[in-house]
Amino acid sequence: MDVSILIPLLNEEESLRELYRRISAAMEPLGKQWEVVFVNDGSTDGSMDVLRELYEAHGNVKVLAFGRNLGKSAALAVGFREVQGEAVVTMDADLQDDPSEIPKMLDLLNEGCDLVSGWKKERQDPLSKRLPSRIFNGVAGRLSGIRLHDMNCGLKVYRRLVVKTIKVYGELHRYTPALAHWAGFTVTEVPVKHHPREHGTSKFGAERFMRGFFDLLTVLFLRRYATRPLHLFGMLGGILFAGGLGIGIYLTIVKIMGGAIGRRPLLTLGILLMVVGVQFVSFGLIGEMLAYLRSEDVSYPVRERLARDGGEGGG
């Protein structure tokens, strides 16, 4: 299989037939083998009936369905395990992403990029969505180290190795470019057409930006401290313990000089800081043991392998 097109969806009954038609119009001229993998994320409308219809009518359609809504990250994670293509396209099912952009994104992949992310340069959404998204992308880009105009664009093209390497869970689908970048893959961005929503309403509310911020903290922690948690917790614990120890030394000097310290709140604060500092270091040590135990399960992306298996090499 050359190209897999992965589409998570929730209650998009009215868009699915037209979406497949547009995908087919974009892919057929390329002369490639391609498939469409729909992941129905617990739709409560007639989406599943339409998907069954598409499956029966077209041999390159696969359908996966959740019993309830589990979120876009879960849908992508399951889809990434299912896809067979050497290139993997992800896009939304609401007809706002334009399948006609796929060929040029595949060309960039063929030129050596590992992930091509779409940029909705002329976004057809209300200001109430565009403004928070611009702020989100600015903050995420600065903290993650990869500056993209539109990190959360649904239209992306991945090399197969990327989707088999990065792990998407919770709501980390927003940060797949950052996850790929941190794993050593090359990421680029290209402007893509964006259409107004034709049917239904957006499934994402304002609360997603707060969740997105917490997810950003998650990926930053995973990037820097997933395999060395003691570096974070040990540093914080050391600072707190040092603060408490400093207070203790100061109060000791006060006591030696004849002062009363038994009822001073500063004494309680000093003890508290030292206890919490020791706890933080303990958390770090426990984290280190967990990281060690799972170290054998960590996967590393091998882009190319040259080896002669089955015996020792000669001269």
C-alpha atoms as a PDB file:
ATOM      1  CA  MET A   1       0.000   0.000   0.000  1.00  0.00           C
ATOM      2  CA  ASP A   2       1.365   3.404  -1.000  1.00  0.00           C
ATOM      3  CA  VAL A   3      -0.929   5.798   0.876  1.00  0.00           C
ATOM      4  CA  SER A   4      -3.278   5.394   3.836  1.00  0.00           C
ATOM      5  CA  ILE A   5      -5.748   8.169   4.589  1.00  0.00           C
ATOM      6  CA  LEU A   6      -6.824   8.112   8.227  1.00  0.00           C
ATOM      7  CA  ILE A   7     -10.005   9.959   9.183  1.00  0.00           C
ATOM      8  CA  PRO A   8     -11.287  10.135  12.785  1.00  0.00           C
ATOM      9  CA  LEU A   9     -14.886  11.280  12.958  1.00  0.00           C
ATOM     10  CA  LEU A  10     -17.724  12.062  15.312  1.00  0.00           C
ATOM     11  CA  ASN A  11     -21.257  12.654  14.020  1.00  0.00           C
ATOM     12  CA  GLU A  12     -20.356  13.574  10.425  1.00  0.00           C
ATOM     13  CA  GLU A  13     -23.116  11.631   8.647  1.00  0.00           C
ATOM     14  CA  GLU A  14     -23.799  14.340   6.059  1.00  0.00           C
ATOM     15  CA  SER A  15     -20.161  14.793   5.038  1.00  0.00           C
ATOM     16  CA  LEU A  16     -18.851  11.262   4.591  1.00  0.00           C
ATOM     17  CA  ARG A  17     -20.056  10.411   1.065  1.00  0.00           C
ATOM     18  CA  GLU A  18     -18.829  13.713  -0.352  1.00  0.00           C
ATOM     19  CA  LEU A  19     -15.556  13.379   1.541  1.00  0.00           C
ATOM     20  CA  TYR A  20     -14.826  10.001  -0.039  1.00  0.00           C
ATOM     21  CA  ARG A  21     -15.713  11.378  -3.475  1.00  0.00           C
ATOM     22  CA  ARG A  22     -13.267  14.268  -3.056  1.00  0.00           C
ATOM     23  CA  ILE A  23     -10.525  11.966  -1.776  1.00  0.00           C
ATOM     24  CA  SER A  24     -11.018   9.646  -4.734  1.00  0.00           C
ATOM     25  CA  ALA A  25     -10.856  12.583  -7.185  1.00  0.00           C
ATOM     26  CA  ALA A  26      -7.542  13.675  -5.638  1.00  0.00           C
ATOM     27  CA  MET A  27      -5.943  10.221  -5.405  1.00  0.00           C
ATOM     28  CA  GLU A  28      -6.939   8.432  -8.614  1.00  0.00           C
ATOM     29  CA  PRO A  29      -4.735  10.558 -10.949  1.00  0.00           C
ATOM     30  CA  LEU A  30      -1.651   9.678  -8.868  1.00  0.00           C
ATOM     31  CA  GLY A  31      -1.668   6.042  -9.902  1.00  0.00           C
ATOM     32  CA  LYS A  32      -0.931   4.862  -6.360  1.00  0.00           C
ATOM     33  CA  GLN A  33      -2.465   2.164  -4.220  1.00  0.00           C
ATOM     34  CA  TRP A  34      -4.435   3.881  -1.477  1.00  0.00           C
ATOM     35  CA  GLU A  35      -6.858   3.135   1.301  1.00  0.00           C
ATOM     36  CA  VAL A  36      -9.154   5.132   3.552  1.00  0.00           C
ATOM     37  CA  VAL A  37      -9.376   4.171   7.212  1.00  0.00           C
ATOM     38  CA  PHE A  38     -12.340   5.706   9.021  1.00  0.00           C
ATOM     39  CA  VAL A  39     -12.358   5.640  12.817  1.00  0.00           C
ATOM     40  CA  ASN A  40     -15.845   6.255  14.154  1.00  0.00           C
ATOM     41  CA  ASP A  41     -15.336   7.820  17.582  1.00  0.00           C
ATOM     42  CA  GLY A  42     -18.685   6.884  19.111  1.00  0.00           C
ATOM     43  CA  SER A  43     -20.991   8.728  16.702  1.00  0.00           C
ATOM     44  CA  THR A  44     -24.643   8.878  17.733  1.00  0.00           C
ATOM     45  CA  ASP A  45     -26.073   9.910  14.343  1.00  0.00           C
ATOM     46  CA  GLY A  46     -26.217   7.828  11.161  1.00  0.00           C
ATOM     47  CA  SER A  47     -22.468   7.982  10.504  1.00  0.00           C
ATOM     48  CA  MET A  48     -21.983   4.243  11.015  1.00  0.00           C
ATOM     49  CA  ASP A  49     -24.678   3.413   8.450  1.00  0.00           C
ATOM     50  CA  VAL A  50     -22.937   5.616   5.874  1.00  0.00           C
ATOM     51  CA  LEU A  51     -19.594   4.006   6.704  1.00  0.00           C
ATOM     52  CA  ARG A  52     -21.050   0.532   6.176  1.00  0.00           C
ATOM     53  CA  GLU A  53     -22.373   1.734   2.828  1.00  0.00           C
ATOM     54  CA  LEU A  54     -18.938   3.050   1.793  1.00  0.00           C
ATOM     55  CA  TYR A  55     -17.285  -0.164   2.964  1.00  0.00           C
ATOM     56  CA  GLU A  56     -19.622  -2.282   0.855  1.00  0.00           C
ATOM     57  CA  ALA A  57     -19.189  -0.069  -2.211  1.00  0.00           C
ATOM     58  CA  HIS A  58     -15.417   0.437  -2.175  1.00  0.00           C
ATOM     59  CA  GLY A  59     -12.743  -2.198  -1.631  1.00  0.00           C
ATOM     60  CA  ASN A  60     -10.209   0.290  -0.266  1.00  0.00           C
ATOM     61  CA  VAL A  61     -12.321   1.403   2.706  1.00  0.00           C
ATOM     62  CA  LYS A  62     -11.716   0.193   6.261  1.00  0.00           C
ATOM     63  CA  VAL A  63     -13.882   1.122   9.228  1.00  0.00           C
ATOM     64  CA  LEU A  64     -13.056   0.987  12.923  1.00  0.00           C
ATOM     65  CA  ALA A  65     -15.703   1.938  15.453  1.00  0.00           C
ATOM     66  CA  PHE A  66     -15.604   2.733  19.170  1.00  0.00           C
ATOM     67  CA  GLY A  67     -18.543   1.891  21.387  1.00  0.00           C
ATOM     68  CA  ARG A  68     -18.404   5.390  22.879  1.00  0.00           C
ATOM     69  CA  ASN A  69     -16.592   8.665  22.353  1.00  0.00           C
ATOM     70  CA  LEU A  70     -12.942   8.202  23.382  1.00  0.00           C
ATOM     71  CA  GLY A  71     -11.413  11.280  21.771  1.00  0.00           C
ATOM     72  CA  LYS A  72      -9.360  12.115  18.714  1.00  0.00           C
ATOM     73  CA  SER A  73      -6.064  10.896  20.171  1.00  0.00           C
ATOM     74  CA  ALA A  74      -7.524   7.451  20.807  1.00  0.00           C
ATOM     75  CA  ALA A  75      -8.909   7.360  17.272  1.00  0.00           C
ATOM     76  CA  LEU A  76      -5.540   8.307  15.789  1.00  0.00           C
ATOM     77  CA  ALA A  77      -3.654   5.830  17.969  1.00  0.00           C
ATOM     78  CA  VAL A  78      -5.871   2.950  16.836  1.00  0.00           C
ATOM     79  CA  GLY A  79      -5.741   4.143  13.250  1.00  0.00           C
ATOM     80  CA  PHE A  80      -1.951   4.409  13.277  1.00  0.00           C
ATOM     81  CA  ARG A  81      -1.771   0.746  14.247  1.00  0.00           C
ATOM     82  CA  GLU A  82      -4.145  -0.218  11.432  1.00  0.00           C
ATOM     83  CA  VAL A  83      -2.765   1.724   8.452  1.00  0.00           C
ATOM     84  CA  GLN A  84      -0.706  -0.117   5.837  1.00  0.00           C
ATOM     85  CA  GLY A  85       0.544   2.734   3.646  1.00  0.00           C
ATOM     86  CA  GLU A  86       4.128   3.922   3.375  1.00  0.00           C
ATOM     87  CA  ALA A  87       2.661   7.435   3.624  1.00  0.00           C
ATOM     88  CA  VAL A  88      -0.117   8.206   6.097  1.00  0.00           C
ATOM     89  CA  VAL A  89      -2.469  11.139   5.635  1.00  0.00           C
ATOM     90  CA  THR A  90      -4.644  12.369   8.493  1.00  0.00           C
ATOM     91  CA  MET A  91      -7.551  14.724   7.933  1.00  0.00           C
ATOM     92  CA  ASP A  92     -10.823  15.745   9.525  1.00  0.00           C
ATOM     93  CA  ALA A  93     -14.181  14.502   8.257  1.00  0.00           C
ATOM     94  CA  ASP A  94     -16.031  17.835   8.222  1.00  0.00           C
ATOM     95  CA  LEU A  95     -15.028  18.810   4.629  1.00  0.00           C
ATOM     96  CA  GLN A  96     -12.994  21.772   5.869  1.00  0.00           C
ATOM     97  CA  ASP A  97      -9.729  20.023   4.920  1.00  0.00           C
ATOM     98  CA  ASP A  98      -9.278  19.835   1.146  1.00  0.00           C
ATOM     99  CA  PRO A  99      -8.130  16.436  -0.226  1.00  0.00           C
ATOM    100  CA  SER A 100      -6.774  18.178  -3.345  1.00  0.00           C
ATOM    101  CA  GLU A 101      -3.847  19.319  -1.168  1.00  0.00           C
ATOM    102  CA  ILE A 102      -2.700  15.741  -0.565  1.00  0.00           C
ATOM    103  CA  PRO A 103      -0.628  15.303  -3.774  1.00  0.00           C
ATOM    104  CA  LYS A 104       1.627  18.299  -3.107  1.00  0.00           C
ATOM    105  CA  MET A 105       2.109  17.192   0.491  1.00  0.00           C
ATOM    106  CA  LEU A 106       3.084  13.717  -0.717  1.00  0.00           C
ATOM    107  CA  ASP A 107       5.627  15.357  -3.038  1.00  0.00           C
ATOM    108  CA  LEU A 108       7.251  17.045  -0.043  1.00  0.00           C
ATOM    109  CA  LEU A 109       7.381  13.692   1.715  1.00  0.00           C
ATOM    110  CA  ASN A 110       9.123  12.207  -1.318  1.00  0.00           C
ATOM    111  CA  GLU A 111      11.678  15.035  -1.170  1.00  0.00           C
ATOM    112  CA  GLY A 112      12.879  13.822   2.212  1.00  0.00           C
ATOM    113  CA  CYS A 113      10.533  15.265   4.852  1.00  0.00           C
ATOM    114  CA  ASP A 114       9.136  12.905   7.466  1.00  0.00           C
ATOM    115  CA  LEU A 115       6.055  14.905   8.435  1.00  0.00           C
ATOM    116  CA  VAL A 116       4.300  17.581   6.390  1.00  0.00           C
ATOM    117  CA  SER A 117       1.861  19.636   8.430  1.00  0.00           C
ATOM    118  CA  GLY A 118      -0.862  21.766   6.875  1.00  0.00           C
ATOM    119  CA  TRP A 119      -1.193  25.471   7.626  1.00  0.00           C
ATOM    120  CA  LYS A 120      -4.683  26.922   7.344  1.00  0.00           C
ATOM    121  CA  LYS A 121      -3.286  30.265   6.202  1.00  0.00           C
ATOM    122  CA  GLU A 122      -6.722  31.625   5.290  1.00  0.00           C
ATOM    123  CA  ARG A 123      -8.740  29.910   7.951  1.00  0.00           C
ATOM    124  CA  GLN A 124     -12.501  29.833   7.382  1.00  0.00           C
ATOM    125  CA  ASP A 125     -13.524  29.907  11.026  1.00  0.00           C
ATOM    126  CA  PRO A 126     -14.972  32.637  13.263  1.00  0.00           C
ATOM    127  CA  LEU A 127     -12.670  34.945  15.206  1.00  0.00           C
ATOM    128  CA  SER A 128     -13.656  33.177  18.423  1.00  0.00           C
ATOM    129  CA  LYS A 129     -11.731  30.141  17.143  1.00  0.00           C
ATOM    130  CA  ARG A 130      -8.966  31.863  15.191  1.00  0.00           C
ATOM    131  CA  LEU A 131      -7.719  34.161  17.976  1.00  0.00           C
ATOM    132  CA  PRO A 132      -7.310  31.511  20.725  1.00  0.00           C
ATOM    133  CA  SER A 133      -5.747  29.187  18.157  1.00  0.00           C
ATOM    134  CA  ARG A 134      -3.176  31.829  17.199  1.00  0.00           C
ATOM    135  CA  ILE A 135      -2.255  32.344  20.854  1.00  0.00           C
ATOM    136  CA  PHE A 136      -2.091  28.597  21.398  1.00  0.00           C
ATOM    137  CA  ASN A 137       0.202  28.059  18.411  1.00  0.00           C
ATOM    138  CA  GLY A 138       2.494  30.884  19.508  1.00  0.00           C
ATOM    139  CA  VAL A 139       2.895  29.541  23.045  1.00  0.00           C
ATOM    140  CA  ALA A 140       3.183  25.916  21.926  1.00  0.00           C
ATOM    141  CA  GLY A 141       5.786  26.778  19.315  1.00  0.00           C
ATOM    142  CA  ARG A 142       7.932  28.756  21.739  1.00  0.00           C
ATOM    143  CA  LEU A 143       7.852  26.088  24.454  1.00  0.00           C
ATOM    144  CA  SER A 144       8.152  23.036  22.204  1.00  0.00           C
ATOM    145  CA  GLY A 145      11.021  24.361  20.103  1.00  0.00           C
ATOM    146  CA  ILE A 146       9.305  23.801  16.739  1.00  0.00           C
ATOM    147  CA  ARG A 147       7.743  26.939  15.295  1.00  0.00           C
ATOM    148  CA  LEU A 148       4.704  26.154  13.165  1.00  0.00           C
ATOM    149  CA  HIS A 149       1.911  28.524  12.245  1.00  0.00           C
ATOM    150  CA  ASP A 150      -0.723  25.826  12.760  1.00  0.00           C
ATOM    151  CA  MET A 151       0.420  22.883  14.863  1.00  0.00           C
ATOM    152  CA  ASN A 152      -3.117  21.571  15.314  1.00  0.00           C
ATOM    153  CA  CYS A 153      -4.152  21.436  11.647  1.00  0.00           C
ATOM    154  CA  GLY A 154      -5.926  18.146  10.997  1.00  0.00           C
ATOM    155  CA  LEU A 155      -4.403  17.725   7.529  1.00  0.00           C
ATOM    156  CA  LYS A 156      -0.965  16.144   7.863  1.00  0.00           C
ATOM    157  CA  VAL A 157       1.113  13.626   5.932  1.00  0.00           C
ATOM    158  CA  TYR A 158       3.460  11.288   7.801  1.00  0.00           C
ATOM    159  CA  ARG A 159       6.072   8.819   6.746  1.00  0.00           C
ATOM    160  CA  ARG A 160       5.038   5.380   7.982  1.00  0.00           C
ATOM    161  CA  LEU A 161       7.993   5.179  10.380  1.00  0.00           C
ATOM    162  CA  VAL A 162       6.755   8.309  12.172  1.00  0.00           C
ATOM    163  CA  VAL A 163       3.287   6.979  13.019  1.00  0.00           C
ATOM    164  CA  LYS A 164       4.758   3.662  14.118  1.00  0.00           C
ATOM    165  CA  THR A 165       7.195   5.464  16.448  1.00  0.00           C
ATOM    166  CA  ILE A 166       5.347   8.296  18.199  1.00  0.00           C
ATOM    167  CA  LYS A 167       2.808   7.466  20.873  1.00  0.00           C
ATOM    168  CA  VAL A 168      -0.450   9.405  20.875  1.00  0.00           C
ATOM    169  CA  TYR A 169      -2.753   9.197  23.900  1.00  0.00           C
ATOM    170  CA  GLY A 170      -4.835  11.469  26.104  1.00  0.00           C
ATOM    171  CA  GLU A 171      -5.128  14.528  23.869  1.00  0.00           C
ATOM    172  CA  LEU A 172      -1.595  14.647  22.521  1.00  0.00           C
ATOM    173  CA  HIS A 173      -2.840  14.629  18.922  1.00  0.00           C
ATOM    174  CA  ARG A 174      -2.335  18.398  18.981  1.00  0.00           C
ATOM    175  CA  TYR A 175       1.394  17.912  19.350  1.00  0.00           C
ATOM    176  CA  THR A 176       2.260  15.208  16.829  1.00  0.00           C
ATOM    177  CA  PRO A 177       4.669  17.592  15.008  1.00  0.00           C
ATOM    178  CA  ALA A 178       6.486  18.251  18.292  1.00  0.00           C
ATOM    179  CA  LEU A 179       6.554  14.553  19.191  1.00  0.00           C
ATOM    180  CA  ALA A 180       7.983  13.734  15.771  1.00  0.00           C
ATOM    181  CA  HIS A 181      10.525  16.575  15.988  1.00  0.00           C
ATOM    182  CA  TRP A 182      11.750  15.393  19.384  1.00  0.00           C
ATOM    183  CA  ALA A 183      12.081  11.847  18.022  1.00  0.00           C
ATOM    184  CA  GLY A 184      14.517  13.156  15.395  1.00  0.00           C
ATOM    185  CA  PHE A 185      12.206  13.354  12.374  1.00  0.00           C
ATOM    186  CA  THR A 186      12.152  16.300   9.977  1.00  0.00           C
ATOM    187  CA  VAL A 187       8.989  18.392  10.071  1.00  0.00           C
ATOM    188  CA  THR A 188       7.873  21.020   7.588  1.00  0.00           C
ATOM    189  CA  GLU A 189       4.754  23.087   6.994  1.00  0.00           C
ATOM    190  CA  VAL A 190       2.851  24.012   3.859  1.00  0.00           C
ATOM    191  CA  PRO A 191      -0.159  26.340   3.361  1.00  0.00           C
ATOM    192  CA  VAL A 192      -3.363  24.451   2.545  1.00  0.00           C
ATOM    193  CA  LYS A 193      -6.854  25.465   1.522  1.00  0.00           C
ATOM    194  CA  HIS A 194      -9.463  25.561   4.255  1.00  0.00           C
ATOM    195  CA  HIS A 195     -13.209  25.557   3.659  1.00  0.00           C
ATOM    196  CA  PRO A 196     -16.114  26.739   5.803  1.00  0.00           C
ATOM    197  CA  ARG A 197     -17.973  23.991   7.598  1.00  0.00           C
ATOM    198  CA  GLU A 198     -20.821  22.771   5.395  1.00  0.00           C
ATOM    199  CA  HIS A 199     -22.709  20.546   7.814  1.00  0.00           C
ATOM    200  CA  GLY A 200     -23.209  20.308  11.544  1.00  0.00           C
ATOM    201  CA  THR A 201     -21.281  22.160  14.213  1.00  0.00           C
ATOM    202  CA  SER A 202     -17.779  21.978  15.622  1.00  0.00           C
ATOM    203  CA  LYS A 203     -17.220  19.233  18.191  1.00  0.00           C
ATOM    204  CA  PHE A 204     -14.606  21.265  20.069  1.00  0.00           C
ATOM    205  CA  GLY A 205     -15.439  23.888  22.687  1.00  0.00           C
ATOM    206  CA  ALA A 206     -13.451  26.621  24.411  1.00  0.00           C
ATOM    207  CA  GLU A 207     -12.368  24.216  27.144  1.00  0.00           C
ATOM    208  CA  ARG A 208     -10.044  22.477  24.677  1.00  0.00           C
ATOM    209  CA  PHE A 209      -7.541  25.320  24.975  1.00  0.00           C
ATOM    210  CA  MET A 210      -7.147  24.777  28.718  1.00  0.00           C
ATOM    211  CA  ARG A 211      -6.783  21.059  28.125  1.00  0.00           C
ATOM    212  CA  GLY A 212      -4.306  21.844  25.385  1.00  0.00           C
ATOM    213  CA  PHE A 213      -2.173  23.844  27.815  1.00  0.00           C
ATOM    214  CA  PHE A 214      -2.017  20.954  30.281  1.00  0.00           C
ATOM    215  CA  ASP A 215      -1.211  18.595  27.422  1.00  0.00           C
ATOM    216  CA  LEU A 216       1.659  20.906  26.470  1.00  0.00           C
ATOM    217  CA  LEU A 217       3.055  20.586  29.983  1.00  0.00           C
ATOM    218  CA  THR A 218       2.748  16.821  29.609  1.00  0.00           C
ATOM    219  CA  VAL A 219       4.716  16.658  26.376  1.00  0.00           C
ATOM    220  CA  LEU A 220       7.368  19.026  27.718  1.00  0.00           C
ATOM    221  CA  PHE A 221       7.827  16.791  30.757  1.00  0.00           C
ATOM    222  CA  LEU A 222       7.949  13.686  28.588  1.00  0.00           C
ATOM    223  CA  ARG A 223      10.515  15.271  26.320  1.00  0.00           C
ATOM    224  CA  ARG A 224      12.912  16.380  29.017  1.00  0.00           C
ATOM    225  CA  TYR A 225      12.385  14.118  31.992  1.00  0.00           C
ATOM    226  CA  ALA A 226      10.595  10.902  30.953  1.00  0.00           C
ATOM    227  CA  THR A 227      13.828   8.892  31.191  1.00  0.00           C
ATOM    228  CA  ARG A 228      15.452  10.975  33.946  1.00  0.00           C
ATOM    229  CA  PRO A 229      12.718  12.081  36.377  1.00  0.00           C
ATOM    230  CA  LEU A 230      15.223  12.515  39.213  1.00  0.00           C
ATOM    231  CA  HIS A 231      16.670  15.507  37.349  1.00  0.00           C
ATOM    232  CA  LEU A 232      13.371  17.358  37.795  1.00  0.00           C
ATOM    233  CA  PHE A 233      12.174  16.096  41.174  1.00  0.00           C
ATOM    234  CA  GLY A 234      15.681  16.021  42.596  1.00  0.00           C
ATOM    235  CA  MET A 235      16.280  19.639  41.579  1.00  0.00           C
ATOM    236  CA  LEU A 236      12.970  20.805  43.066  1.00  0.00           C
ATOM    237  CA  GLY A 237      13.513  18.716  46.194  1.00  0.00           C
ATOM    238  CA  GLY A 238      17.062  20.027  46.581  1.00  0.00           C
ATOM    239  CA  ILE A 239      15.888  23.640  46.340  1.00  0.00           C
ATOM    240  CA  LEU A 240      13.141  23.102  48.916  1.00  0.00           C
ATOM    241  CA  PHE A 241      15.416  21.170  51.265  1.00  0.00           C
ATOM    242  CA  ALA A 242      18.126  23.823  50.977  1.00  0.00           C
ATOM    243  CA  GLY A 243      15.575  26.519  51.796  1.00  0.00           C
ATOM    244  CA  GLY A 244      14.384  24.605  54.861  1.00  0.00           C
ATOM    245  CA  LEU A 245      17.948  23.882  55.931  1.00  0.00           C
ATOM    246  CA  GLY A 246      18.837  27.562  55.622  1.00  0.00           C
ATOM    247  CA  ILE A 247      15.902  28.490  57.815  1.00  0.00           C
ATOM    248  CA  GLY A 248      16.956  25.829  60.326  1.00  0.00           C
ATOM    249  CA  ILE A 249      20.529  27.164  60.474  1.00  0.00           C
ATOM    250  CA  TYR A 250      19.269  30.699  60.925  1.00  0.00           C
ATOM    251  CA  LEU A 251      16.950  29.676  63.770  1.00  0.00           C
ATOM    252  CA  THR A 252      19.738  27.659  65.376  1.00  0.00           C
ATOM    253  CA  ILE A 253      21.921  30.775  65.458  1.00  0.00           C
ATOM    254  CA  VAL A 254      19.006  32.735  66.941  1.00  0.00           C
ATOM    255  CA  LYS A 255      18.564  30.056  69.631  1.00  0.00           C
ATOM    256  CA  ILE A 256      22.282  30.066  70.493  1.00  0.00           C
ATOM    257  CA  MET A 257      22.129  33.837  70.889  1.00  0.00           C
ATOM    258  CA  GLY A 258      19.331  33.451  73.433  1.00  0.00           C
ATOM    259  CA  GLY A 259      16.288  34.007  71.255  1.00  0.00           C
ATOM    260  CA  ALA A 260      13.037  32.040  71.449  1.00  0.00           C
ATOM    261  CA  ILE A 261      12.136  30.000  68.392  1.00  0.00           C
ATOM    262  CA  GLY A 262       9.602  27.459  69.668  1.00  0.00           C
ATOM    263  CA  ARG A 263       6.509  29.430  68.641  1.00  0.00           C
ATOM    264  CA  ARG A 264       7.871  31.050  65.516  1.00  0.00           C
ATOM    265  CA  PRO A 265       6.003  30.095  62.292  1.00  0.00           C
ATOM    266  CA  LEU A 266       9.368  30.185  60.515  1.00  0.00           C
ATOM    267  CA  LEU A 267      10.367  27.000  62.379  1.00  0.00           C
ATOM    268  CA  THR A 268       7.317  25.177  61.027  1.00  0.00           C
ATOM    269  CA  LEU A 269       8.058  26.453  57.532  1.00  0.00           C
ATOM    270  CA  GLY A 270      11.663  25.265  57.688  1.00  0.00           C
ATOM    271  CA  ILE A 271      10.677  21.773  58.818  1.00  0.00           C
ATOM    272  CA  LEU A 272       7.946  21.628  56.170  1.00  0.00           C
ATOM    273  CA  LEU A 273      10.352  22.610  53.394  1.00  0.00           C
ATOM    274  CA  MET A 274      12.873  19.948  54.374  1.00  0.00           C
ATOM    275  CA  VAL A 275      10.212  17.219  54.610  1.00  0.00           C
ATOM    276  CA  VAL A 276       8.694  18.159  51.245  1.00  0.00           C
ATOM    277  CA  GLY A 277      12.186  18.356  49.724  1.00  0.00           C
ATOM    278  CA  VAL A 278      12.962  14.806  50.842  1.00  0.00           C
ATOM    279  CA  GLN A 279       9.612  13.656  49.418  1.00  0.00           C
ATOM    280  CA  PHE A 280      10.363  15.209  46.037  1.00  0.00           C
ATOM    281  CA  VAL A 281      13.731  13.441  45.892  1.00  0.00           C
ATOM    282  CA  SER A 282      11.973  10.190  46.825  1.00  0.00           C
ATOM    283  CA  PHE A 283       9.479  10.709  43.985  1.00  0.00           C
ATOM    284  CA  GLY A 284      12.409  11.197  41.634  1.00  0.00           C
ATOM    285  CA  LEU A 285      14.080   7.979  42.780  1.00  0.00           C
ATOM    286  CA  ILE A 286      10.843   6.020  42.352  1.00  0.00           C
ATOM    287  CA  GLY A 287      10.466   7.563  38.877  1.00  0.00           C
ATOM    288  CA  GLU A 288      14.023   6.500  38.025  1.00  0.00           C
ATOM    289  CA  MET A 289      13.250   2.917  39.026  1.00  0.00           C
ATOM    290  CA  LEU A 290      10.115   2.920  36.864  1.00  0.00           C
ATOM    291  CA  ALA A 291      12.065   4.385  33.938  1.00  0.00           C
ATOM    292  CA  TYR A 292      14.676   1.655  34.346  1.00  0.00           C
ATOM    293  CA  LEU A 293      12.056  -1.096  34.429  1.00  0.00           C
ATOM    294  CA  ARG A 294      10.437   0.127  31.206  1.00  0.00           C
ATOM    295  CA  SER A 295      13.690   0.957  29.433  1.00  0.00           C
ATOM    296  CA  GLU A 296      13.597  -2.312  27.481  1.00  0.00           C
ATOM    297  CA  ASP A 297      10.201  -1.325  25.998  1.00  0.00           C
ATOM    298  CA  VAL A 298      11.371   2.041  24.675  1.00  0.00           C
ATOM    299  CA  SER A 299      11.408   2.141  20.860  1.00  0.00           C
ATOM    300  CA  TYR A 300      13.869   4.181  18.827  1.00  0.00           C
ATOM    301  CA  PRO A 301      13.257   5.050  15.171  1.00  0.00           C
ATOM    302  CA  VAL A 302      15.816   3.383  12.904  1.00  0.00           C
ATOM    303  CA  ARG A 303      15.555   5.160   9.543  1.00  0.00           C
ATOM    304  CA  GLU A 304      17.951   2.830   7.712  1.00  0.00           C
ATOM    305  CA  ARG A 305      19.555  -0.497   8.518  1.00  0.00           C
ATOM    306  CA  LEU A 306      22.543  -1.991   6.784  1.00  0.00           C
ATOM    307  CA  ALA A 307      23.511  -5.421   8.092  1.00  0.00           C
ATOM    308  CA  ARG A 308      24.450  -8.887   6.988  1.00  0.00           C
ATOM    309  CA  ASP A 309      22.509 -11.237   9.195  1.00  0.00           C
ATOM    310  CA  GLY A 310      23.149 -14.910   9.635  1.00  0.00           C
ATOM    311  CA  GLY A 311      26.880 -15.060  10.119  1.00  0.00           C
ATOM    312  CA  GLU A 312      30.125 -13.251  10.603  1.00  0.00           C
ATOM    313  CA  GLY A 313      31.343 -11.057   7.813  1.00  0.00           C
ATOM    314  CA  GLY A 314      34.458 -11.949   5.880  1.00  0.00           C
ATOM    315  CA  GLY A 315      37.155  -9.806   4.338  1.00  0.00           C
END
